[in-house]
Amino acid sequence: MKDNRDSQNQQLGKTADLKFFVRSLGVDVVGIADLKLLGGMSIGIIASDSADFLRRYQWAIVLGAQLGKLGKNVSGTEVNVFLEKAALEIMAYLEEQGYCGLIVHTEDEFDPINRLGLLSLKMLAKGAGLGWQGRSLLIISPEYGPIHRWIAVLTNMDLQADEPIPNQCGDCSFCVDTCPYNALRFVSFDDHPEHREDVLDIRACRGDDGCTVCLLVCPWAKSNRSGAGYVPFG
């Protein structure tokens, strides 16, 4: 019993130290996801052979930065670069302590036509307790709504996972009702839909071309957005 308590205390200590370091890099939110708990999600682990790929890693350190955090007229691409630099610092932190790490980027796509990656950053962020999956399939955080970018670092450092946040969309359908391309369908789900295609017509969606309607109409975005200046894409 004492050994278990000691092991748990070490795990909690490592997690607290890591999060303190990550926050010192200027990211807005950080959470830890247990990769074992994501394996059964059909839209969390995309590739059929991902299980082999993940065997070296048990945890995901997920970082989020609000769009517009770097100031007025700063593009989403620059926020991605900021997160990339933070992830590289985390990689160095892990390596100094004898652990391995692997960065999961927004751009890591193995199927660019269908916009699928080996791992879903949305599922990692949800699993790390940083938000819930809205009807737009975007992750909605209590702090910033859906207005943020994500990056993750997979690791074998023994960490304490964060608790997921229950879905708080209720009966809201603003994103579905206002999509100018009719890319979204209203589907009720508590955690995540069984298949992405049940909710989103990815070929109709114009998010990659700069459409931000589903971000801006979200009540969580309106109630939490600051006046820092917001440039959603670029």
Foldseek 3Di string as FASTA:
>chain_A
DVVVVVVVVVQAVVQVVLVVLLVVLPFDDKFKFFVVVQVPACQFQPDPCVVVVCPLFGMKIKTKHFFLPVFAPDFPVVQQVSVVVSVVVSQVVQVVVPKHKDKDGCPQCPDVVLSGHNGDSQSNCQRRQQAAQDLVRAGQGLQAGRGIGMMIMTIRRRHDGDDGDWDDCPPDDQLCVPPPQNQADDDDDTGDDNDPNVTGPSVSDCVVVPDCRSVVRPPSNVVNPDPRHGHRHD
